[in-house]
Amino acid sequence: MNEQLLLQMKHICKSFPGVQALDDVSFDLRHGEVHALVGENGAGKSTLIKILGGVYAQDQGQIHISGAEALIRQPSDALQKGISIIYQEFSLVPVTSVAENIFLGMEPGKGKLRFYIDKKRMFAEAQKLLDDIGKSNIRSDTPVAKLTVAQQQIVEIVKALNRRSEILVMDEPTAVLTQDETETLFEIVTQLKNNGTSIIYISHRLDEIFRICDRATVLRDGHKIDTVNVRDGNVSKDGLIKMMVGRDLGNLFQIPVRDSRGGICLKAEHLTRKGEFADVSFTLKKGEILGFSGLVGAGRTEVMKAVFGLNKLDSGDITFHGKKAVIANPQNAIRLKLGFVPEDRKREGLVLMHSMKTNVTQATMFKYSRMGFLKNGRQLQAAREYIGKLNIKPPLPERNMKDFSGGNQQKVVIAKWLDNAPELLILDEPTRGVDVGAKQEIYTIIKNLADSGVSIIVVSSEMEEILGLCDRIIVMHEGRIRGEFSRSEATQEKLLYAASGN
């Protein structure tokens, strides 16, 4: 790593109505460095990166690249300055080929006037770029829609390299990757670093920070707290967390093993949906936290969507509180007092362009309308109640959901179902893309709900979460249940063994 600075962001300030998003924040990046940007949801990370990428303009402060001031007023300015940002939502065109995405807006021409795209050259050059990065096994003529998420991410990286980007920003790059895919990504990051690319790495997974990053800059509530070396061992994981949240969180899982003596809330028998899962049977007690573990693609989410009526079962029976339940659609589930927090909160759990108030009351609109007219005052009262109960920030019920951080968006999705007084709540990847502070708050919400008698199903790919949170754990592999463990007998080794089909 070259100690010379490539990027300097000096005294950056940015405010939005009612919120000071960044207050005198400075950040720098060295040549060939992987520099982590960490902090709780709402700390200002996304705002800082969007300023670097030309999405927002800073109110105050300057950006310097290689010592010269850089005016970045729009995304095209950032690209011209050698800055590429890979957001969690990829900017790819699914219906076109990998090569066309890599060369989008930069297609090689042929003929004297270059009016025509030289497709043969474009596909060949794209394939060379893919082969150079290694570990991809991607053909340049493949439609992007046919790629896995991990492969699409590699296409985004290659697209950035094709633009000769010196600065690459990766925003939560491993959020939806399997362990093997994550390892491949780490190898690519190391290769890019060795080739001189400078990387800003944003992740809530602190183990990743200590594994692949050189330095980490901590933001909290729009302020820079510190920049620390993470390779030299001078800061611990707990020390970094304390800087992020401003307090010592202690053990995230302060949830004792509980002996749930409640009766059976839900009984699923031989649930089958062709091509997704087969012969899945389980029970859930009142007040129990039941975990579903397994590798990506094991069928966990598909089972939960069927239980909630989002997908139709081919066969099988569901009994709820001793009575056979016909759950043909989510409306049936809602009437039975079931709630479902989906894996993808932005696409399936929220309407991002609507207000926090509207989202909280989305599943219970019948409570807030009369003769077709909404009772705005009652909606507002409900939103304010959940702002207080769940510590939702900022406390602005009329604010659009797209302007809330990931952790606070997740709290709003949970609030939406709490407003229906659920007897059973399904949470699919409840802390994905959520910082450690919000994660602890969500765990406390889950514990309190279970203690009050609500039955909980947690689907999670985070082993620590499953082992520390759940009273009982079911492991799935290729659409079938492969093991069941109480928390006291479950270990990471046992869960992984069952998840691999053994």
Protein backbone atom coordinates (compact mmCIF):
# COMPACT_ATOMS: atom_id res chain seq x y z
CA MET A 1 0.00 0.00 0.00
CA ASN A 2 1.25 3.44 -1.00
CA GLU A 3 1.11 5.95 1.88
CA GLN A 4 0.39 8.77 -0.59
CA LEU A 5 -3.18 10.08 -0.45
CA LEU A 6 -5.35 9.57 -3.52
CA LEU A 7 -8.59 11.04 -2.14
CA GLN A 8 -9.28 13.68 0.48
CA MET A 9 -12.75 14.77 1.55
CA LYS A 10 -12.30 17.80 3.80
CA HIS A 11 -14.79 19.26 6.32
CA ILE A 12 -17.87 17.94 4.50
CA CYS A 13 -21.22 19.23 5.75
CA LYS A 14 -24.66 18.22 4.47
CA SER A 15 -28.13 18.85 5.86
CA PHE A 16 -31.63 17.84 4.86
CA PRO A 17 -34.87 19.32 6.22
CA GLY A 18 -34.81 18.66 9.96
CA VAL A 19 -31.59 16.59 9.85
CA GLN A 20 -27.87 17.44 9.92
CA ALA A 21 -26.63 14.38 8.03
CA LEU A 22 -22.91 15.30 8.04
CA ASP A 23 -21.17 17.83 10.25
CA ASP A 24 -17.50 18.65 9.47
CA VAL A 25 -16.60 15.13 8.28
CA SER A 26 -13.16 14.48 6.77
CA PHE A 27 -12.08 11.24 5.11
CA ASP A 28 -9.04 10.19 3.10
CA LEU A 29 -7.99 7.21 1.00
CA ARG A 30 -4.50 6.04 0.09
CA HIS A 31 -3.32 4.43 -3.13
CA GLY A 32 -3.90 0.66 -3.07
CA GLU A 33 -5.75 0.76 0.25
CA VAL A 34 -8.94 -0.93 1.45
CA HIS A 35 -10.45 1.65 3.81
CA ALA A 36 -13.59 0.73 5.74
CA LEU A 37 -16.32 3.25 6.40
CA VAL A 38 -18.33 2.08 9.42
CA GLY A 39 -21.06 3.34 11.70
CA GLU A 40 -24.66 2.72 12.69
CA ASN A 41 -27.49 3.14 10.22
CA GLY A 42 -28.06 6.87 9.97
CA ALA A 43 -24.46 7.71 10.90
CA GLY A 44 -23.90 9.45 7.54
CA LYS A 45 -22.03 6.79 5.55
CA SER A 46 -24.44 6.72 2.61
CA THR A 47 -24.66 10.51 2.49
CA LEU A 48 -20.86 10.83 2.37
CA ILE A 49 -20.61 8.27 -0.43
CA LYS A 50 -23.43 9.88 -2.42
CA ILE A 51 -21.56 13.19 -2.22
CA LEU A 52 -18.44 11.45 -3.55
CA GLY A 53 -20.55 9.86 -6.29
CA GLY A 54 -22.23 13.11 -7.35
CA VAL A 55 -25.72 12.13 -6.20
CA TYR A 56 -25.75 14.89 -3.55
CA ALA A 57 -23.84 18.16 -3.43
CA GLN A 58 -22.18 19.02 -0.14
CA ASP A 59 -23.24 22.23 1.64
CA GLN A 60 -19.65 22.90 2.71
CA GLY A 61 -16.25 21.28 2.26
CA GLN A 62 -13.97 20.22 -0.56
CA ILE A 63 -12.96 17.04 -2.37
CA HIS A 64 -9.40 16.59 -3.62
CA ILE A 65 -8.16 13.80 -5.89
CA SER A 66 -4.38 13.38 -6.26
CA GLY A 67 -3.96 16.77 -4.60
CA ALA A 68 -6.20 18.73 -7.00
CA GLU A 69 -9.66 19.98 -6.06
CA ALA A 70 -12.41 17.98 -7.75
CA LEU A 71 -15.82 19.48 -8.47
CA ILE A 72 -18.32 16.63 -8.44
CA ARG A 73 -21.80 17.95 -9.16
CA GLN A 74 -23.34 14.88 -10.81
CA PRO A 75 -22.62 11.14 -11.21
CA SER A 76 -20.94 11.64 -14.59
CA ASP A 77 -18.40 13.94 -12.92
CA ALA A 78 -17.51 11.15 -10.48
CA LEU A 79 -17.04 8.65 -13.31
CA GLN A 80 -14.77 11.09 -15.15
CA LYS A 81 -12.69 11.44 -11.97
CA GLY A 82 -12.21 7.67 -11.80
CA ILE A 83 -14.78 6.97 -9.06
CA SER A 84 -17.18 4.02 -9.33
CA ILE A 85 -19.73 3.07 -6.69
CA ILE A 86 -21.29 -0.38 -6.45
CA TYR A 87 -24.50 0.15 -4.50
CA GLN A 88 -26.49 -2.65 -2.88
CA GLU A 89 -29.00 -2.28 -5.72
CA PHE A 90 -26.92 -2.93 -8.84
CA SER A 91 -27.14 -0.58 -11.83
CA LEU A 92 -27.27 -3.33 -14.45
CA VAL A 93 -29.70 -3.85 -17.35
CA PRO A 94 -31.00 -7.41 -16.82
CA VAL A 95 -32.28 -8.01 -20.37
CA THR A 96 -28.95 -7.24 -22.04
CA SER A 97 -25.71 -9.23 -22.07
CA VAL A 98 -22.81 -9.03 -19.67
CA ALA A 99 -20.65 -7.39 -22.36
CA GLU A 100 -23.28 -4.76 -23.14
CA ASN A 101 -23.47 -3.87 -19.45
CA ILE A 102 -19.70 -3.66 -19.08
CA PHE A 103 -19.43 -1.32 -22.10
CA LEU A 104 -22.68 0.60 -21.51
CA GLY A 105 -22.13 4.09 -22.90
CA MET A 106 -18.61 3.14 -24.05
CA GLU A 107 -19.40 0.72 -26.87
CA PRO A 108 -16.53 0.28 -29.38
CA GLY A 109 -17.48 1.45 -32.88
CA LYS A 110 -16.55 0.18 -36.31
CA GLY A 111 -16.41 1.72 -39.72
CA LYS A 112 -14.90 5.04 -40.67
CA LEU A 113 -17.48 7.08 -38.79
CA ARG A 114 -17.93 4.46 -36.05
CA PHE A 115 -21.71 4.60 -36.35
CA TYR A 116 -22.00 0.87 -35.69
CA ILE A 117 -21.11 -1.07 -32.57
CA ASP A 118 -18.29 -3.55 -33.04
CA LYS A 119 -20.01 -6.35 -31.14
CA LYS A 120 -17.34 -8.94 -31.87
CA ARG A 121 -14.67 -6.72 -30.34
CA MET A 122 -16.92 -5.72 -27.44
CA PHE A 123 -17.68 -9.34 -26.48
CA ALA A 124 -14.02 -10.35 -26.83
CA GLU A 125 -12.72 -7.45 -24.71
CA ALA A 126 -15.41 -8.04 -22.09
CA GLN A 127 -14.45 -11.71 -21.90
CA LYS A 128 -10.80 -10.79 -21.43
CA LEU A 129 -11.68 -8.48 -18.54
CA LEU A 130 -13.76 -11.23 -16.94
CA ASP A 131 -11.00 -13.79 -17.38
CA ASP A 132 -8.39 -11.41 -15.98
CA ILE A 133 -10.30 -10.97 -12.74
CA GLY A 134 -10.58 -14.75 -12.39
CA LYS A 135 -12.98 -16.79 -10.24
CA SER A 136 -15.96 -15.68 -12.31
CA ASN A 137 -16.80 -18.39 -14.90
CA ILE A 138 -18.98 -15.81 -16.62
CA ARG A 139 -19.48 -15.68 -20.38
CA SER A 140 -19.69 -12.20 -21.84
CA ASP A 141 -22.70 -13.11 -24.02
CA THR A 142 -24.84 -14.28 -21.07
CA PRO A 143 -27.91 -12.15 -20.26
CA VAL A 144 -27.42 -10.48 -16.87
CA ALA A 145 -30.84 -11.76 -15.74
CA LYS A 146 -29.45 -15.31 -15.78
CA LEU A 147 -26.56 -14.53 -13.42
CA THR A 148 -26.45 -15.10 -9.68
CA VAL A 149 -26.23 -12.09 -7.38
CA ALA A 150 -22.52 -12.83 -6.83
CA GLN A 151 -21.88 -12.95 -10.58
CA GLN A 152 -23.77 -9.68 -11.09
CA GLN A 153 -21.54 -8.11 -8.48
CA ILE A 154 -18.46 -9.26 -10.40
CA VAL A 155 -19.92 -7.68 -13.56
CA GLU A 156 -20.28 -4.39 -11.64
CA ILE A 157 -16.62 -4.64 -10.58
CA VAL A 158 -15.47 -5.39 -14.15
CA LYS A 159 -17.58 -2.49 -15.44
CA ALA A 160 -15.76 -0.19 -13.01
CA LEU A 161 -12.37 -1.54 -14.09
CA ASN A 162 -13.30 -0.99 -17.73
CA ARG A 163 -13.89 2.66 -16.90
CA ARG A 164 -10.36 2.68 -15.44
CA SER A 165 -11.68 3.63 -12.02
CA GLU A 166 -8.97 4.27 -9.45
CA ILE A 167 -11.48 4.50 -6.60
CA LEU A 168 -14.03 1.73 -6.09
CA VAL A 169 -16.73 1.99 -3.43
CA MET A 170 -18.40 -1.26 -2.30
CA ASP A 171 -21.58 -0.83 -0.25
CA GLU A 172 -22.47 -3.95 1.81
CA PRO A 173 -21.02 -6.23 -0.89
CA THR A 174 -21.52 -9.51 1.01
CA ALA A 175 -25.04 -8.88 2.31
CA VAL A 176 -26.67 -11.55 0.12
CA LEU A 177 -23.67 -13.76 -0.69
CA THR A 178 -23.02 -17.30 0.47
CA GLN A 179 -19.83 -18.07 2.40
CA ASP A 180 -18.11 -19.44 -0.73
CA GLU A 181 -19.16 -16.40 -2.77
CA THR A 182 -17.88 -14.12 -0.01
CA GLU A 183 -14.50 -15.86 -0.08
CA THR A 184 -14.33 -15.35 -3.85
CA LEU A 185 -15.13 -11.67 -3.40
CA PHE A 186 -12.36 -11.29 -0.81
CA GLU A 187 -9.86 -12.81 -3.24
CA ILE A 188 -10.97 -10.32 -5.91
CA VAL A 189 -10.69 -7.40 -3.47
CA THR A 190 -7.15 -8.48 -2.57
CA GLN A 191 -6.27 -8.77 -6.26
CA LEU A 192 -7.66 -5.29 -6.99
CA LYS A 193 -5.73 -3.84 -4.07
CA ASN A 194 -2.49 -5.47 -5.23
CA ASN A 195 -3.07 -3.99 -8.68
CA GLY A 196 -3.31 -0.49 -7.19
CA THR A 197 -7.07 0.05 -6.99
CA SER A 198 -8.18 1.98 -3.89
CA ILE A 199 -11.34 0.63 -2.25
CA ILE A 200 -13.81 2.16 0.18
CA TYR A 201 -15.52 -0.78 1.89
CA ILE A 202 -18.83 -0.35 3.73
CA SER A 203 -20.07 -3.25 5.85
CA HIS A 204 -21.87 -3.96 9.12
CA ARG A 205 -20.01 -7.27 9.36
CA LEU A 206 -17.06 -6.28 11.48
CA ASP A 207 -15.24 -9.60 11.04
CA GLU A 208 -14.88 -8.66 7.37
CA ILE A 209 -13.44 -5.27 8.28
CA PHE A 210 -10.66 -6.82 10.35
CA ARG A 211 -9.95 -9.42 7.69
CA ILE A 212 -9.55 -7.37 4.51
CA CYS A 213 -9.28 -3.68 5.43
CA ASP A 214 -6.23 -1.58 6.27
CA ARG A 215 -7.95 1.30 8.07
CA ALA A 216 -11.44 2.12 9.27
CA THR A 217 -13.11 5.50 9.67
CA VAL A 218 -15.97 5.59 12.19
CA LEU A 219 -18.97 7.90 11.79
CA ARG A 220 -21.61 8.50 14.44
CA ASP A 221 -24.64 10.79 14.16
CA GLY A 222 -23.08 12.66 11.23
CA HIS A 223 -19.72 13.24 12.92
CA LYS A 224 -16.35 11.63 12.33
CA ILE A 225 -15.27 9.86 15.52
CA ASP A 226 -11.86 8.56 14.47
CA THR A 227 -9.77 6.77 11.85
CA VAL A 228 -7.97 3.68 13.15
CA ASN A 229 -5.62 1.04 11.77
CA VAL A 230 -7.34 -2.34 11.87
CA ARG A 231 -4.41 -4.43 10.65
CA ASP A 232 -2.01 -3.66 13.48
CA GLY A 233 -4.21 -4.99 16.29
CA ASN A 234 -4.41 -1.66 18.14
CA VAL A 235 -8.22 -1.69 18.08
CA SER A 236 -10.50 -4.63 18.92
CA LYS A 237 -13.90 -5.48 17.52
CA ASP A 238 -15.52 -4.39 20.80
CA GLY A 239 -13.51 -1.16 20.71
CA LEU A 240 -14.74 -0.42 17.19
CA ILE A 241 -18.34 -1.14 18.20
CA LYS A 242 -18.03 1.23 21.17
CA MET A 243 -16.82 4.01 18.86
CA MET A 244 -19.75 3.33 16.53
CA VAL A 245 -22.52 3.35 19.12
CA GLY A 246 -20.98 5.49 21.87
CA ARG A 247 -21.51 2.82 24.52
CA ASP A 248 -20.48 -0.70 25.45
CA LEU A 249 -23.10 -3.13 24.12
CA GLY A 250 -21.76 -6.10 26.05
CA ASN A 251 -23.25 -9.40 24.93
CA LEU A 252 -25.68 -8.85 22.06
CA PHE A 253 -27.60 -11.98 23.02
CA GLN A 254 -28.79 -11.28 26.54
CA ILE A 255 -31.59 -13.75 26.00
CA PRO A 256 -31.56 -16.70 28.41
CA VAL A 257 -32.54 -20.18 27.35
CA ARG A 258 -36.26 -20.29 28.05
CA ASP A 259 -38.46 -23.30 28.67
CA SER A 260 -41.52 -22.53 26.61
CA ARG A 261 -44.44 -24.27 28.29
CA GLY A 262 -47.06 -22.75 26.04
CA GLY A 263 -49.36 -24.86 23.92
CA ILE A 264 -48.93 -25.43 20.20
CA CYS A 265 -49.57 -22.24 18.25
CA LEU A 266 -48.81 -23.53 14.74
CA LYS A 267 -48.54 -27.02 13.34
CA ALA A 268 -47.32 -27.53 9.77
CA GLU A 269 -47.70 -31.02 8.29
CA HIS A 270 -46.05 -32.29 5.10
CA LEU A 271 -45.90 -28.89 3.38
CA THR A 272 -44.86 -29.28 -0.24
CA ARG A 273 -44.42 -26.89 -3.15
CA LYS A 274 -42.96 -28.48 -6.26
CA GLY A 275 -39.42 -27.35 -7.03
CA GLU A 276 -39.00 -25.45 -3.75
CA PHE A 277 -39.59 -27.69 -0.70
CA ALA A 278 -41.08 -31.08 0.15
CA ASP A 279 -42.62 -32.81 3.16
CA VAL A 280 -41.82 -30.02 5.63
CA SER A 281 -43.37 -30.60 9.06
CA PHE A 282 -42.79 -28.63 12.27
CA THR A 283 -44.54 -27.20 15.31
CA LEU A 284 -44.27 -23.82 17.02
CA LYS A 285 -45.23 -23.19 20.64
CA LYS A 286 -46.80 -20.07 22.06
CA GLY A 287 -44.07 -17.62 23.11
CA GLU A 288 -41.32 -19.67 21.44
CA ILE A 289 -38.55 -18.32 19.19
CA LEU A 290 -38.04 -20.96 16.49
CA GLY A 291 -35.06 -20.58 14.18
CA PHE A 292 -34.75 -21.79 10.60
CA SER A 293 -31.14 -22.27 9.52
CA GLY A 294 -29.53 -23.49 6.31
CA LEU A 295 -27.52 -22.37 3.33
CA VAL A 296 -28.82 -19.89 0.76
CA GLY A 297 -31.34 -21.71 -1.45
CA ALA A 298 -32.26 -24.28 1.22
CA GLY A 299 -35.97 -23.38 0.92
CA ARG A 300 -36.44 -21.57 4.23
CA THR A 301 -37.87 -18.36 2.77
CA GLU A 302 -40.10 -20.30 0.39
CA VAL A 303 -41.66 -22.24 3.26
CA MET A 304 -42.36 -19.05 5.20
CA LYS A 305 -43.94 -17.37 2.18
CA ALA A 306 -46.24 -20.37 1.80
CA VAL A 307 -47.20 -20.29 5.49
CA PHE A 308 -48.09 -16.62 5.12
CA GLY A 309 -50.11 -17.21 1.94
CA LEU A 310 -47.75 -15.43 -0.45
CA ASN A 311 -47.13 -18.69 -2.36
CA LYS A 312 -49.57 -21.52 -2.89
CA LEU A 313 -48.92 -24.94 -1.40
CA ASP A 314 -49.25 -28.01 -3.60
CA SER A 315 -50.05 -30.13 -0.56
CA GLY A 316 -49.86 -30.13 3.22
CA ASP A 317 -51.87 -28.80 6.14
CA ILE A 318 -51.50 -25.90 8.56
CA THR A 319 -53.17 -25.92 11.96
CA PHE A 320 -53.36 -22.67 13.93
CA HIS A 321 -54.36 -22.85 17.60
CA GLY A 322 -55.79 -26.31 17.07
CA LYS A 323 -57.94 -25.45 14.06
CA LYS A 324 -57.15 -26.16 10.42
CA ALA A 325 -56.20 -22.89 8.75
CA VAL A 326 -56.78 -22.06 5.11
CA ILE A 327 -54.20 -19.42 4.24
CA ALA A 328 -54.64 -18.82 0.53
CA ASN A 329 -53.36 -15.25 0.59
CA PRO A 330 -51.82 -12.68 2.96
CA GLN A 331 -55.26 -11.29 3.80
CA ASN A 332 -56.17 -14.67 5.34
CA ALA A 333 -52.91 -14.59 7.32
CA ILE A 334 -53.53 -11.05 8.57
CA ARG A 335 -57.02 -12.01 9.79
CA LEU A 336 -55.44 -14.89 11.72
CA LYS A 337 -53.00 -12.42 13.34
CA LEU A 338 -49.91 -13.56 11.44
CA GLY A 339 -47.18 -11.10 10.45
CA PHE A 340 -44.31 -11.47 7.99
CA VAL A 341 -41.15 -9.34 7.91
CA PRO A 342 -39.62 -10.21 4.52
CA GLU A 343 -35.98 -10.72 3.62
CA ASP A 344 -36.03 -7.78 1.17
CA ARG A 345 -37.56 -4.94 3.15
CA LYS A 346 -37.16 -2.35 0.40
CA ARG A 347 -39.00 -4.32 -2.30
CA GLU A 348 -41.39 -6.44 -0.27
CA GLY A 349 -41.80 -4.80 3.13
CA LEU A 350 -42.11 -1.08 2.43
CA VAL A 351 -43.41 1.46 -0.02
CA LEU A 352 -40.31 3.66 -0.08
CA MET A 353 -41.98 6.67 -1.69
CA HIS A 354 -44.71 6.77 0.99
CA SER A 355 -44.41 8.19 4.47
CA MET A 356 -43.40 6.36 7.60
CA LYS A 357 -46.94 6.92 8.89
CA THR A 358 -48.51 5.26 5.83
CA ASN A 359 -46.14 2.30 5.99
CA VAL A 360 -46.80 1.63 9.68
CA THR A 361 -50.56 1.42 9.05
CA GLN A 362 -50.35 -0.35 5.70
CA ALA A 363 -51.46 -3.79 6.92
CA THR A 364 -54.16 -2.40 9.24
CA MET A 365 -55.68 0.30 7.06
CA PHE A 366 -59.13 -0.97 8.02
CA LYS A 367 -58.54 0.49 11.50
CA TYR A 368 -57.88 3.96 10.13
CA SER A 369 -60.63 4.42 7.57
CA ARG A 370 -64.33 5.08 7.68
CA MET A 371 -66.61 5.04 4.66
CA GLY A 372 -63.56 5.11 2.42
CA PHE A 373 -61.89 8.08 4.12
CA LEU A 374 -58.63 7.78 6.03
CA LYS A 375 -58.39 9.14 9.55
CA ASN A 376 -55.09 10.96 9.23
CA GLY A 377 -54.98 11.96 12.89
CA ARG A 378 -55.27 8.35 14.09
CA GLN A 379 -52.61 7.23 11.62
CA LEU A 380 -50.30 9.93 12.90
CA GLN A 381 -50.98 8.93 16.51
CA ALA A 382 -50.14 5.29 15.74
CA ALA A 383 -46.92 6.25 13.96
CA ARG A 384 -45.80 8.39 16.88
CA GLU A 385 -46.57 5.53 19.29
CA TYR A 386 -44.23 3.17 17.40
CA ILE A 387 -41.58 5.86 17.04
CA GLY A 388 -41.46 5.91 20.84
CA LYS A 389 -41.76 2.16 21.39
CA LEU A 390 -39.12 1.12 18.83
CA ASN A 391 -36.85 4.17 19.01
CA ILE A 392 -37.32 5.00 15.31
CA LYS A 393 -35.08 7.84 14.12
CA PRO A 394 -35.54 10.49 13.03
CA PRO A 395 -38.95 10.84 14.73
CA LEU A 396 -40.62 12.18 11.57
CA PRO A 397 -43.84 10.27 10.74
CA GLU A 398 -44.45 12.27 7.53
CA ARG A 399 -40.98 11.56 6.13
CA ASN A 400 -40.72 9.19 3.14
CA MET A 401 -39.31 5.76 3.97
CA LYS A 402 -36.57 6.06 1.35
CA ASP A 403 -34.96 8.72 3.55
CA PHE A 404 -34.67 6.48 6.62
CA SER A 405 -31.61 4.31 7.35
CA GLY A 406 -31.77 0.54 6.93
CA GLY A 407 -32.11 -0.20 10.64
CA ASN A 408 -34.96 2.26 11.06
CA GLN A 409 -36.65 0.95 7.91
CA GLN A 410 -36.55 -2.51 9.47
CA LYS A 411 -38.12 -1.20 12.67
CA VAL A 412 -40.96 0.31 10.61
CA VAL A 413 -41.61 -3.05 8.92
CA ILE A 414 -41.81 -4.65 12.37
CA ALA A 415 -44.08 -1.85 13.59
CA LYS A 416 -46.42 -2.49 10.66
CA TRP A 417 -47.11 -5.98 11.98
CA LEU A 418 -47.14 -5.02 15.65
CA ASP A 419 -50.02 -2.71 14.79
CA ASN A 420 -52.08 -5.82 14.07
CA ALA A 421 -51.30 -7.36 17.51
CA PRO A 422 -49.77 -10.50 15.97
CA GLU A 423 -49.97 -13.92 17.58
CA LEU A 424 -47.29 -15.26 15.24
CA LEU A 425 -44.54 -13.17 13.66
CA ILE A 426 -42.20 -14.49 10.95
CA LEU A 427 -38.93 -12.58 10.57
CA ASP A 428 -36.83 -13.44 7.51
CA GLU A 429 -33.21 -12.21 7.91
CA PRO A 430 -34.34 -9.64 10.53
CA THR A 431 -30.94 -7.90 10.89
CA ARG A 432 -29.59 -8.03 7.32
CA GLY A 433 -27.90 -4.73 6.51
CA VAL A 434 -28.49 -3.48 10.05
CA ASP A 435 -25.79 -2.01 12.29
CA VAL A 436 -24.86 -3.48 15.68
CA GLY A 437 -26.80 -0.88 17.68
CA ALA A 438 -30.05 -1.41 15.77
CA LYS A 439 -29.37 -5.16 15.83
CA GLN A 440 -29.37 -5.17 19.63
CA GLU A 441 -32.62 -3.16 19.65
CA ILE A 442 -34.26 -5.65 17.26
CA TYR A 443 -33.15 -8.58 19.41
CA THR A 444 -34.72 -6.88 22.43
CA ILE A 445 -37.97 -6.38 20.49
CA ILE A 446 -38.00 -10.09 19.56
CA LYS A 447 -37.33 -11.17 23.16
CA ASN A 448 -40.03 -8.89 24.56
CA LEU A 449 -42.58 -10.13 22.02
CA ALA A 450 -41.82 -13.77 22.86
CA ASP A 451 -42.01 -13.02 26.58
CA SER A 452 -45.45 -11.50 26.01
CA GLY A 453 -46.66 -14.72 24.35
CA VAL A 454 -46.12 -13.96 20.66
CA SER A 455 -44.76 -16.94 18.73
CA ILE A 456 -41.73 -16.06 16.62
CA ILE A 457 -40.07 -17.71 13.62
CA VAL A 458 -36.63 -16.34 12.73
CA VAL A 459 -35.01 -17.23 9.39
CA SER A 460 -31.35 -16.23 9.43
CA SER A 461 -28.10 -16.98 7.63
CA GLU A 462 -26.07 -15.59 10.54
CA MET A 463 -24.98 -18.53 12.65
CA GLU A 464 -24.31 -16.39 15.74
CA GLU A 465 -27.81 -14.95 15.51
CA ILE A 466 -29.51 -18.32 15.23
CA LEU A 467 -27.50 -19.85 18.08
CA GLY A 468 -27.86 -16.87 20.40
CA LEU A 469 -31.48 -15.94 19.79
CA CYS A 470 -33.58 -19.04 19.22
CA ASP A 471 -35.04 -21.54 21.68
CA ARG A 472 -35.12 -24.26 19.04
CA ILE A 473 -33.51 -24.53 15.61
CA ILE A 474 -34.63 -26.35 12.45
CA VAL A 475 -32.05 -26.85 9.68
CA MET A 476 -33.04 -27.17 6.02
CA HIS A 477 -31.15 -28.45 2.99
CA GLU A 478 -32.46 -28.52 -0.59
CA GLY A 479 -36.07 -28.00 0.45
CA ARG A 480 -36.17 -30.57 3.24
CA ILE A 481 -35.67 -30.52 7.02
CA ARG A 482 -32.35 -32.17 7.89
CA GLY A 483 -32.13 -31.57 11.62
CA GLU A 484 -33.73 -30.09 14.72
CA PHE A 485 -31.88 -28.90 17.84
CA SER A 486 -32.65 -27.18 21.11
CA ARG A 487 -30.47 -24.16 21.82
CA SER A 488 -28.64 -26.03 24.57
CA GLU A 489 -27.56 -28.84 22.22
CA ALA A 490 -27.01 -26.79 19.05
CA THR A 491 -23.49 -25.94 17.91
CA GLN A 492 -22.16 -24.29 14.79
CA GLU A 493 -20.63 -27.60 13.70
CA LYS A 494 -23.91 -29.49 14.08
CA LEU A 495 -25.87 -26.86 12.16
CA LEU A 496 -23.35 -26.73 9.31
CA TYR A 497 -23.25 -30.52 9.11
CA ALA A 498 -27.04 -30.69 8.79
CA ALA A 499 -27.15 -27.72 6.38
CA SER A 500 -24.81 -29.58 4.02
CA GLY A 501 -27.32 -32.43 3.76
CA ASN A 502 -25.71 -34.86 6.17
